[in-house]
Amino acid sequence: MTSKTDSTAKNTTAFAAQAAISFGASLFAMLVAVYFMEADPWIKGFLALGTLYLTTSAFTLAKVIRDQQEDQRVFHRIDQARVDKILAEHDPFKAVS
């Protein structure tokens, strides 16, 4: 039986680094903008809290989407294994009774 390699796309290290740097720069810029904004402290606190809440909810959403994709991949692999087993056991020259 031949083994198949996983055909899913993998991210490069450069792409992961670019995404992390982009995230860090945008969060830093937003927090600096809130800090230097000319407004009352409670308004700054409200905007900073909103920024942090948006950041944590974005991480949660990304994790949920990733988990759903992994679950679908597992079901797809199980279905593919069943089809492979049926095809391996199938004999096209066997007489139908």
PDB file of N, CA and C in Angstrom:
ATOM      1  N   MET A   1       0.847  -1.173   0.000  1.00  0.00           N
ATOM      2  CA  MET A   1       0.000   0.000   0.000  1.00  0.00           C
ATOM      3  C   MET A   1       0.895   1.239   0.000  1.00  0.00           C
ATOM      4  N   THR A   2       0.599   2.164  -0.858  1.00  0.00           N
ATOM      5  CA  THR A   2       1.400   3.377  -0.933  1.00  0.00           C
ATOM      6  C   THR A   2       0.861   4.405   0.050  1.00  0.00           C
ATOM      7  N   SER A   3       1.768   5.162   0.623  1.00  0.00           N
ATOM      8  CA  SER A   3       1.331   6.206   1.553  1.00  0.00           C
ATOM      9  C   SER A   3       1.314   7.541   0.828  1.00  0.00           C
ATOM     10  N   LYS A   4       0.261   8.300   1.086  1.00  0.00           N
ATOM     11  CA  LYS A   4       0.130   9.606   0.449  1.00  0.00           C
ATOM     12  C   LYS A   4       0.646  10.682   1.390  1.00  0.00           C
ATOM     13  N   THR A   5       1.223  11.710   0.822  1.00  0.00           N
ATOM     14  CA  THR A   5       1.663  12.830   1.635  1.00  0.00           C
ATOM     15  C   THR A   5       0.496  13.792   1.822  1.00  0.00           C
ATOM     16  N   ASP A   6       0.526  14.541   2.883  1.00  0.00           N
ATOM     17  CA  ASP A   6      -0.524  15.514   3.173  1.00  0.00           C
ATOM     18  C   ASP A   6      -0.420  16.657   2.171  1.00  0.00           C
ATOM     19  N   SER A   7      -1.508  16.915   1.464  1.00  0.00           N
ATOM     20  CA  SER A   7      -1.479  17.913   0.411  1.00  0.00           C
ATOM     21  C   SER A   7      -1.936  19.285   0.879  1.00  0.00           C
ATOM     22  N   THR A   8      -2.084  19.474   2.173  1.00  0.00           N
ATOM     23  CA  THR A   8      -2.510  20.782   2.653  1.00  0.00           C
ATOM     24  C   THR A   8      -1.359  21.764   2.569  1.00  0.00           C
ATOM     25  N   ALA A   9      -1.679  23.014   2.314  1.00  0.00           N
ATOM     26  CA  ALA A   9      -0.663  24.049   2.185  1.00  0.00           C
ATOM     27  C   ALA A   9      -0.082  24.389   3.553  1.00  0.00           C
ATOM     28  N   LYS A  10       1.204  24.549   3.597  1.00  0.00           N
ATOM     29  CA  LYS A  10       1.886  24.916   4.838  1.00  0.00           C
ATOM     30  C   LYS A  10       2.404  26.340   4.705  1.00  0.00           C
ATOM     31  N   ASN A  11       2.301  27.102   5.789  1.00  0.00           N
ATOM     32  CA  ASN A  11       2.812  28.458   5.788  1.00  0.00           C
ATOM     33  C   ASN A  11       4.319  28.448   5.971  1.00  0.00           C
ATOM     34  N   THR A  12       4.978  29.385   5.309  1.00  0.00           N
ATOM     35  CA  THR A  12       6.425  29.503   5.455  1.00  0.00           C
ATOM     36  C   THR A  12       6.753  30.258   6.736  1.00  0.00           C
ATOM     37  N   THR A  13       7.990  30.161   7.162  1.00  0.00           N
ATOM     38  CA  THR A  13       8.442  30.888   8.343  1.00  0.00           C
ATOM     39  C   THR A  13       8.365  32.391   8.109  1.00  0.00           C
ATOM     40  N   ALA A  14       8.688  32.814   6.889  1.00  0.00           N
ATOM     41  CA  ALA A  14       8.635  34.237   6.566  1.00  0.00           C
ATOM     42  C   ALA A  14       7.206  34.776   6.667  1.00  0.00           C
ATOM     43  N   PHE A  15       6.229  33.992   6.222  1.00  0.00           N
ATOM     44  CA  PHE A  15       4.836  34.429   6.306  1.00  0.00           C
ATOM     45  C   PHE A  15       4.399  34.531   7.758  1.00  0.00           C
ATOM     46  N   ALA A  16       4.778  33.567   8.582  1.00  0.00           N
ATOM     47  CA  ALA A  16       4.429  33.606  10.003  1.00  0.00           C
ATOM     48  C   ALA A  16       5.078  34.805  10.686  1.00  0.00           C
ATOM     49  N   ALA A  17       6.328  35.078  10.355  1.00  0.00           N
ATOM     50  CA  ALA A  17       7.016  36.231  10.938  1.00  0.00           C
ATOM     51  C   ALA A  17       6.368  37.534  10.495  1.00  0.00           C
ATOM     52  N   GLN A  18       6.012  37.621   9.225  1.00  0.00           N
ATOM     53  CA  GLN A  18       5.370  38.833   8.715  1.00  0.00           C
ATOM     54  C   GLN A  18       4.026  39.055   9.402  1.00  0.00           C
ATOM     55  N   ALA A  19       3.264  37.997   9.615  1.00  0.00           N
ATOM     56  CA  ALA A  19       1.968  38.118  10.289  1.00  0.00           C
ATOM     57  C   ALA A  19       2.146  38.554  11.740  1.00  0.00           C
ATOM     58  N   ALA A  20       3.128  37.990  12.429  1.00  0.00           N
ATOM     59  CA  ALA A  20       3.367  38.350  13.827  1.00  0.00           C
ATOM     60  C   ALA A  20       3.843  39.796  13.946  1.00  0.00           C
ATOM     61  N   ILE A  21       4.753  40.204  13.072  1.00  0.00           N
ATOM     62  CA  ILE A  21       5.250  41.584  13.103  1.00  0.00           C
ATOM     63  C   ILE A  21       4.127  42.567  12.777  1.00  0.00           C
ATOM     64  N   SER A  22       3.319  42.234  11.799  1.00  0.00           N
ATOM     65  CA  SER A  22       2.198  43.096  11.428  1.00  0.00           C
ATOM     66  C   SER A  22       1.220  43.243  12.585  1.00  0.00           C
ATOM     67  N   PHE A  23       0.909  42.139  13.246  1.00  0.00           N
ATOM     68  CA  PHE A  23       0.009  42.189  14.397  1.00  0.00           C
ATOM     69  C   PHE A  23       0.599  43.046  15.506  1.00  0.00           C
ATOM     70  N   GLY A  24       1.852  42.814  15.842  1.00  0.00           N
ATOM     71  CA  GLY A  24       2.502  43.577  16.905  1.00  0.00           C
ATOM     72  C   GLY A  24       2.558  45.068  16.595  1.00  0.00           C
ATOM     73  N   ALA A  25       2.876  45.407  15.361  1.00  0.00           N
ATOM     74  CA  ALA A  25       2.961  46.819  14.972  1.00  0.00           C
ATOM     75  C   ALA A  25       1.595  47.491  15.038  1.00  0.00           C
ATOM     76  N   SER A  26       0.558  46.808  14.580  1.00  0.00           N
ATOM     77  CA  SER A  26      -0.772  47.422  14.595  1.00  0.00           C
ATOM     78  C   SER A  26      -1.287  47.594  16.021  1.00  0.00           C
ATOM     79  N   LEU A  27      -1.073  46.603  16.885  1.00  0.00           N
ATOM     80  CA  LEU A  27      -1.510  46.728  18.279  1.00  0.00           C
ATOM     81  C   LEU A  27      -0.731  47.823  18.983  1.00  0.00           C
ATOM     82  N   PHE A  28       0.567  47.879  18.758  1.00  0.00           N
ATOM     83  CA  PHE A  28       1.401  48.917  19.364  1.00  0.00           C
ATOM     84  C   PHE A  28       0.966  50.306  18.902  1.00  0.00           C
ATOM     85  N   ALA A  29       0.728  50.454  17.608  1.00  0.00           N
ATOM     86  CA  ALA A  29       0.311  51.752  17.069  1.00  0.00           C
ATOM     87  C   ALA A  29      -1.023  52.192  17.664  1.00  0.00           C
ATOM     88  N   MET A  30      -1.943  51.269  17.807  1.00  0.00           N
ATOM     89  CA  MET A  30      -3.248  51.620  18.366  1.00  0.00           C
ATOM     90  C   MET A  30      -3.127  52.047  19.825  1.00  0.00           C
ATOM     91  N   LEU A  31      -2.362  51.317  20.600  1.00  0.00           N
ATOM     92  CA  LEU A  31      -2.208  51.662  22.014  1.00  0.00           C
ATOM     93  C   LEU A  31      -1.453  52.985  22.189  1.00  0.00           C
ATOM     94  N   VAL A  32      -0.452  53.259  21.344  1.00  0.00           N
ATOM     95  CA  VAL A  32       0.261  54.537  21.394  1.00  0.00           C
ATOM     96  C   VAL A  32      -0.677  55.677  21.010  1.00  0.00           C
ATOM     97  N   ALA A  33      -1.512  55.460  20.000  1.00  0.00           N
ATOM     98  CA  ALA A  33      -2.464  56.484  19.584  1.00  0.00           C
ATOM     99  C   ALA A  33      -3.455  56.795  20.695  1.00  0.00           C
ATOM    100  N   VAL A  34      -3.913  55.781  21.383  1.00  0.00           N
ATOM    101  CA  VAL A  34      -4.841  56.001  22.494  1.00  0.00           C
ATOM    102  C   VAL A  34      -4.136  56.746  23.626  1.00  0.00           C
ATOM    103  N   TYR A  35      -2.890  56.385  23.891  1.00  0.00           N
ATOM    104  CA  TYR A  35      -2.140  57.016  24.976  1.00  0.00           C
ATOM    105  C   TYR A  35      -1.921  58.506  24.719  1.00  0.00           C
ATOM    106  N   PHE A  36      -1.543  58.871  23.506  1.00  0.00           N
ATOM    107  CA  PHE A  36      -1.233  60.263  23.186  1.00  0.00           C
ATOM    108  C   PHE A  36      -2.453  61.078  22.728  1.00  0.00           C
ATOM    109  N   MET A  37      -3.612  60.471  22.669  1.00  0.00           N
ATOM    110  CA  MET A  37      -4.817  61.174  22.264  1.00  0.00           C
ATOM    111  C   MET A  37      -5.190  62.204  23.331  1.00  0.00           C
ATOM    112  N   GLU A  38      -5.639  63.365  22.891  1.00  0.00           N
ATOM    113  CA  GLU A  38      -6.039  64.402  23.836  1.00  0.00           C
ATOM    114  C   GLU A  38      -7.501  64.181  24.215  1.00  0.00           C
ATOM    115  N   ALA A  39      -7.678  63.431  25.288  1.00  0.00           N
ATOM    116  CA  ALA A  39      -9.021  63.139  25.776  1.00  0.00           C
ATOM    117  C   ALA A  39      -8.936  62.842  27.262  1.00  0.00           C
ATOM    118  N   ASP A  40     -10.090  62.762  27.892  1.00  0.00           N
ATOM    119  CA  ASP A  40     -10.135  62.431  29.315  1.00  0.00           C
ATOM    120  C   ASP A  40      -9.621  61.010  29.529  1.00  0.00           C
ATOM    121  N   PRO A  41      -9.077  60.757  30.723  1.00  0.00           N
ATOM    122  CA  PRO A  41      -8.541  59.410  30.995  1.00  0.00           C
ATOM    123  C   PRO A  41      -9.578  58.304  30.845  1.00  0.00           C
ATOM    124  N   TRP A  42     -10.831  58.548  31.193  1.00  0.00           N
ATOM    125  CA  TRP A  42     -11.824  57.485  31.084  1.00  0.00           C
ATOM    126  C   TRP A  42     -12.101  57.142  29.625  1.00  0.00           C
ATOM    127  N   ILE A  43     -12.002  58.109  28.730  1.00  0.00           N
ATOM    128  CA  ILE A  43     -12.184  57.829  27.301  1.00  0.00           C
ATOM    129  C   ILE A  43     -11.009  57.004  26.780  1.00  0.00           C
ATOM    130  N   LYS A  44      -9.803  57.387  27.200  1.00  0.00           N
ATOM    131  CA  LYS A  44      -8.612  56.608  26.808  1.00  0.00           C
ATOM    132  C   LYS A  44      -8.713  55.173  27.320  1.00  0.00           C
ATOM    133  N   GLY A  45      -9.141  55.035  28.566  1.00  0.00           N
ATOM    134  CA  GLY A  45      -9.295  53.696  29.143  1.00  0.00           C
ATOM    135  C   GLY A  45     -10.324  52.870  28.395  1.00  0.00           C
ATOM    136  N   PHE A  46     -11.432  53.511  28.024  1.00  0.00           N
ATOM    137  CA  PHE A  46     -12.474  52.819  27.275  1.00  0.00           C
ATOM    138  C   PHE A  46     -11.945  52.342  25.915  1.00  0.00           C
ATOM    139  N   LEU A  47     -11.227  53.214  25.210  1.00  0.00           N
ATOM    140  CA  LEU A  47     -10.671  52.831  23.905  1.00  0.00           C
ATOM    141  C   LEU A  47      -9.591  51.750  24.042  1.00  0.00           C
ATOM    142  N   ALA A  48      -8.760  51.860  25.064  1.00  0.00           N
ATOM    143  CA  ALA A  48      -7.724  50.842  25.285  1.00  0.00           C
ATOM    144  C   ALA A  48      -8.355  49.494  25.623  1.00  0.00           C
ATOM    145  N   LEU A  49      -9.371  49.525  26.465  1.00  0.00           N
ATOM    146  CA  LEU A  49     -10.061  48.279  26.817  1.00  0.00           C
ATOM    147  C   LEU A  49     -10.729  47.671  25.592  1.00  0.00           C
ATOM    148  N   GLY A  50     -11.360  48.512  24.765  1.00  0.00           N
ATOM    149  CA  GLY A  50     -11.967  48.023  23.525  1.00  0.00           C
ATOM    150  C   GLY A  50     -10.947  47.414  22.591  1.00  0.00           C
ATOM    151  N   THR A  51      -9.773  48.033  22.501  1.00  0.00           N
ATOM    152  CA  THR A  51      -8.699  47.502  21.654  1.00  0.00           C
ATOM    153  C   THR A  51      -8.237  46.139  22.154  1.00  0.00           C
ATOM    154  N   LEU A  52      -8.034  46.013  23.441  1.00  0.00           N
ATOM    155  CA  LEU A  52      -7.585  44.734  23.992  1.00  0.00           C
ATOM    156  C   LEU A  52      -8.662  43.660  23.854  1.00  0.00           C
ATOM    157  N   TYR A  53      -9.934  44.027  24.037  1.00  0.00           N
ATOM    158  CA  TYR A  53     -11.024  43.067  23.878  1.00  0.00           C
ATOM    159  C   TYR A  53     -11.117  42.597  22.426  1.00  0.00           C
ATOM    160  N   LEU A  54     -10.981  43.523  21.494  1.00  0.00           N
ATOM    161  CA  LEU A  54     -11.004  43.164  20.074  1.00  0.00           C
ATOM    162  C   LEU A  54      -9.843  42.232  19.731  1.00  0.00           C
ATOM    163  N   THR A  55      -8.690  42.486  20.318  1.00  0.00           N
ATOM    164  CA  THR A  55      -7.517  41.643  20.070  1.00  0.00           C
ATOM    165  C   THR A  55      -7.743  40.222  20.580  1.00  0.00           C
ATOM    166  N   THR A  56      -8.224  40.090  21.818  1.00  0.00           N
ATOM    167  CA  THR A  56      -8.431  38.746  22.364  1.00  0.00           C
ATOM    168  C   THR A  56      -9.549  38.010  21.626  1.00  0.00           C
ATOM    169  N   SER A  57     -10.597  38.728  21.212  1.00  0.00           N
ATOM    170  CA  SER A  57     -11.672  38.062  20.482  1.00  0.00           C
ATOM    171  C   SER A  57     -11.212  37.635  19.089  1.00  0.00           C
ATOM    172  N   ALA A  58     -10.303  38.383  18.488  1.00  0.00           N
ATOM    173  CA  ALA A  58      -9.748  37.980  17.188  1.00  0.00           C
ATOM    174  C   ALA A  58      -8.940  36.685  17.327  1.00  0.00           C
ATOM    175  N   PHE A  59      -8.162  36.565  18.404  1.00  0.00           N
ATOM    176  CA  PHE A  59      -7.421  35.322  18.649  1.00  0.00           C
ATOM    177  C   PHE A  59      -8.382  34.147  18.853  1.00  0.00           C
ATOM    178  N   THR A  60      -9.448  34.374  19.611  1.00  0.00           N
ATOM    179  CA  THR A  60     -10.425  33.316  19.854  1.00  0.00           C
ATOM    180  C   THR A  60     -11.095  32.881  18.561  1.00  0.00           C
ATOM    181  N   LEU A  61     -11.501  33.852  17.735  1.00  0.00           N
ATOM    182  CA  LEU A  61     -12.125  33.524  16.455  1.00  0.00           C
ATOM    183  C   LEU A  61     -11.168  32.736  15.564  1.00  0.00           C
ATOM    184  N   ALA A  62      -9.920  33.139  15.508  1.00  0.00           N
ATOM    185  CA  ALA A  62      -8.939  32.416  14.690  1.00  0.00           C
ATOM    186  C   ALA A  62      -8.774  30.980  15.182  1.00  0.00           C
ATOM    187  N   LYS A  63      -8.760  30.778  16.499  1.00  0.00           N
ATOM    188  CA  LYS A  63      -8.624  29.432  17.053  1.00  0.00           C
ATOM    189  C   LYS A  63      -9.847  28.570  16.734  1.00  0.00           C
ATOM    190  N   VAL A  64     -11.039  29.148  16.839  1.00  0.00           N
ATOM    191  CA  VAL A  64     -12.261  28.398  16.541  1.00  0.00           C
ATOM    192  C   VAL A  64     -12.286  27.970  15.075  1.00  0.00           C
ATOM    193  N   ILE A  65     -11.934  28.875  14.184  1.00  0.00           N
ATOM    194  CA  ILE A  65     -11.907  28.549  12.753  1.00  0.00           C
ATOM    195  C   ILE A  65     -10.876  27.457  12.475  1.00  0.00           C
ATOM    196  N   ARG A  66      -9.704  27.571  13.095  1.00  0.00           N
ATOM    197  CA  ARG A  66      -8.669  26.542  12.907  1.00  0.00           C
ATOM    198  C   ARG A  66      -9.141  25.189  13.421  1.00  0.00           C
ATOM    199  N   ASP A  67      -9.790  25.174  14.585  1.00  0.00           N
ATOM    200  CA  ASP A  67     -10.285  23.921  15.143  1.00  0.00           C
ATOM    201  C   ASP A  67     -11.352  23.295  14.255  1.00  0.00           C
ATOM    202  N   GLN A  68     -12.232  24.115  13.680  1.00  0.00           N
ATOM    203  CA  GLN A  68     -13.255  23.587  12.774  1.00  0.00           C
ATOM    204  C   GLN A  68     -12.621  22.985  11.525  1.00  0.00           C
ATOM    205  N   GLN A  69     -11.607  23.635  10.994  1.00  0.00           N
ATOM    206  CA  GLN A  69     -10.929  23.105   9.810  1.00  0.00           C
ATOM    207  C   GLN A  69     -10.214  21.798  10.125  1.00  0.00           C
ATOM    208  N   GLU A  70      -9.600  21.711  11.306  1.00  0.00           N
ATOM    209  CA  GLU A  70      -8.935  20.466  11.689  1.00  0.00           C
ATOM    210  C   GLU A  70      -9.941  19.340  11.864  1.00  0.00           C
ATOM    211  N   ASP A  71     -11.112  19.640  12.432  1.00  0.00           N
ATOM    212  CA  ASP A  71     -12.153  18.622  12.581  1.00  0.00           C
ATOM    213  C   ASP A  71     -12.616  18.118  11.221  1.00  0.00           C
ATOM    214  N   GLN A  72     -12.808  19.006  10.271  1.00  0.00           N
ATOM    215  CA  GLN A  72     -13.220  18.605   8.924  1.00  0.00           C
ATOM    216  C   GLN A  72     -12.138  17.767   8.263  1.00  0.00           C
ATOM    217  N   ARG A  73     -10.886  18.106   8.492  1.00  0.00           N
ATOM    218  CA  ARG A  73      -9.782  17.352   7.904  1.00  0.00           C
ATOM    219  C   ARG A  73      -9.758  15.927   8.444  1.00  0.00           C
ATOM    220  N   VAL A  74     -10.040  15.762   9.748  1.00  0.00           N
ATOM    221  CA  VAL A  74     -10.060  14.426  10.348  1.00  0.00           C
ATOM    222  C   VAL A  74     -11.178  13.594   9.721  1.00  0.00           C
ATOM    223  N   PHE A  75     -12.378  14.183   9.580  1.00  0.00           N
ATOM    224  CA  PHE A  75     -13.475  13.444   8.973  1.00  0.00           C
ATOM    225  C   PHE A  75     -13.155  13.096   7.526  1.00  0.00           C
ATOM    226  N   HIS A  76     -12.516  14.004   6.813  1.00  0.00           N
ATOM    227  CA  HIS A  76     -12.145  13.733   5.423  1.00  0.00           C
ATOM    228  C   HIS A  76     -11.143  12.585   5.353  1.00  0.00           C
ATOM    229  N   ARG A  77     -10.192  12.556   6.271  1.00  0.00           N
ATOM    230  CA  ARG A  77      -9.203  11.474   6.281  1.00  0.00           C
ATOM    231  C   ARG A  77      -9.851  10.135   6.612  1.00  0.00           C
ATOM    232  N   ILE A  78     -10.821  10.142   7.533  1.00  0.00           N
ATOM    233  CA  ILE A  78     -11.522   8.902   7.874  1.00  0.00           C
ATOM    234  C   ILE A  78     -12.293   8.392   6.659  1.00  0.00           C
ATOM    235  N   ASP A  79     -13.009   9.295   5.982  1.00  0.00           N
ATOM    236  CA  ASP A  79     -13.748   8.903   4.777  1.00  0.00           C
ATOM    237  C   ASP A  79     -12.806   8.398   3.697  1.00  0.00           C
ATOM    238  N   GLN A  80     -11.679   9.057   3.527  1.00  0.00           N
ATOM    239  CA  GLN A  80     -10.707   8.636   2.514  1.00  0.00           C
ATOM    240  C   GLN A  80     -10.136   7.267   2.861  1.00  0.00           C
ATOM    241  N   ALA A  81      -9.889   7.000   4.144  1.00  0.00           N
ATOM    242  CA  ALA A  81      -9.380   5.695   4.556  1.00  0.00           C
ATOM    243  C   ALA A  81     -10.405   4.600   4.262  1.00  0.00           C
ATOM    244  N   ARG A  82     -11.687   4.895   4.464  1.00  0.00           N
ATOM    245  CA  ARG A  82     -12.735   3.914   4.151  1.00  0.00           C
ATOM    246  C   ARG A  82     -12.781   3.625   2.656  1.00  0.00           C
ATOM    247  N   VAL A  83     -12.708   4.661   1.846  1.00  0.00           N
ATOM    248  CA  VAL A  83     -12.723   4.472   0.393  1.00  0.00           C
ATOM    249  C   VAL A  83     -11.489   3.681  -0.044  1.00  0.00           C
ATOM    250  N   ASP A  84     -10.329   4.019   0.508  1.00  0.00           N
ATOM    251  CA  ASP A  84      -9.105   3.281   0.163  1.00  0.00           C
ATOM    252  C   ASP A  84      -9.220   1.808   0.532  1.00  0.00           C
ATOM    253  N   LYS A  85      -9.818   1.514   1.680  1.00  0.00           N
ATOM    254  CA  LYS A  85      -9.986   0.129   2.112  1.00  0.00           C
ATOM    255  C   LYS A  85     -10.920  -0.619   1.160  1.00  0.00           C
ATOM    256  N   ILE A  86     -12.032   0.015   0.794  1.00  0.00           N
ATOM    257  CA  ILE A  86     -12.976  -0.617  -0.138  1.00  0.00           C
ATOM    258  C   ILE A  86     -12.318  -0.876  -1.481  1.00  0.00           C
ATOM    259  N   LEU A  87     -11.564   0.111  -1.976  1.00  0.00           N
ATOM    260  CA  LEU A  87     -10.888  -0.058  -3.267  1.00  0.00           C
ATOM    261  C   LEU A  87      -9.809  -1.134  -3.209  1.00  0.00           C
ATOM    262  N   ALA A  88      -9.116  -1.232  -2.072  1.00  0.00           N
ATOM    263  CA  ALA A  88      -8.074  -2.245  -1.934  1.00  0.00           C
ATOM    264  C   ALA A  88      -8.673  -3.648  -1.886  1.00  0.00           C
ATOM    265  N   GLU A  89      -9.857  -3.780  -1.304  1.00  0.00           N
ATOM    266  CA  GLU A  89     -10.497  -5.095  -1.196  1.00  0.00           C
ATOM    267  C   GLU A  89     -11.284  -5.468  -2.443  1.00  0.00           C
ATOM    268  N   HIS A  90     -11.527  -4.497  -3.303  1.00  0.00           N
ATOM    269  CA  HIS A  90     -12.346  -4.746  -4.492  1.00  0.00           C
ATOM    270  C   HIS A  90     -11.550  -5.517  -5.549  1.00  0.00           C
ATOM    271  N   ASP A  91     -12.181  -6.558  -6.073  1.00  0.00           N
ATOM    272  CA  ASP A  91     -11.578  -7.340  -7.152  1.00  0.00           C
ATOM    273  C   ASP A  91     -12.456  -7.185  -8.381  1.00  0.00           C
ATOM    274  N   PRO A  92     -11.998  -6.417  -9.387  1.00  0.00           N
ATOM    275  CA  PRO A  92     -12.852  -6.156 -10.546  1.00  0.00           C
ATOM    276  C   PRO A  92     -13.103  -7.414 -11.413  1.00  0.00           C
ATOM    277  N   PHE A  93     -12.290  -8.457 -11.222  1.00  0.00           N
ATOM    278  CA  PHE A  93     -12.440  -9.669 -12.033  1.00  0.00           C
ATOM    279  C   PHE A  93     -13.243 -10.740 -11.336  1.00  0.00           C
ATOM    280  N   LYS A  94     -13.738 -10.444 -10.158  1.00  0.00           N
ATOM    281  CA  LYS A  94     -14.538 -11.407  -9.407  1.00  0.00           C
ATOM    282  C   LYS A  94     -15.932 -11.467 -10.047  1.00  0.00           C
ATOM    283  N   ALA A  95     -16.411 -12.680 -10.216  1.00  0.00           N
ATOM    284  CA  ALA A  95     -17.708 -12.864 -10.847  1.00  0.00           C
ATOM    285  C   ALA A  95     -18.817 -12.430  -9.898  1.00  0.00           C
ATOM    286  N   VAL A  96     -19.797 -11.724 -10.431  1.00  0.00           N
ATOM    287  CA  VAL A  96     -20.928 -11.278  -9.652  1.00  0.00           C
ATOM    288  C   VAL A  96     -21.921 -12.418  -9.576  1.00  0.00           C
ATOM    289  N   SER A  97     -22.361 -12.784  -8.373  1.00  0.00           N
ATOM    290  CA  SER A  97     -23.284 -13.902  -8.221  1.00  0.00           C
ATOM    291  C   SER A  97     -24.702 -13.437  -8.193  1.00  0.00           C
TER     292      SER A  97
END
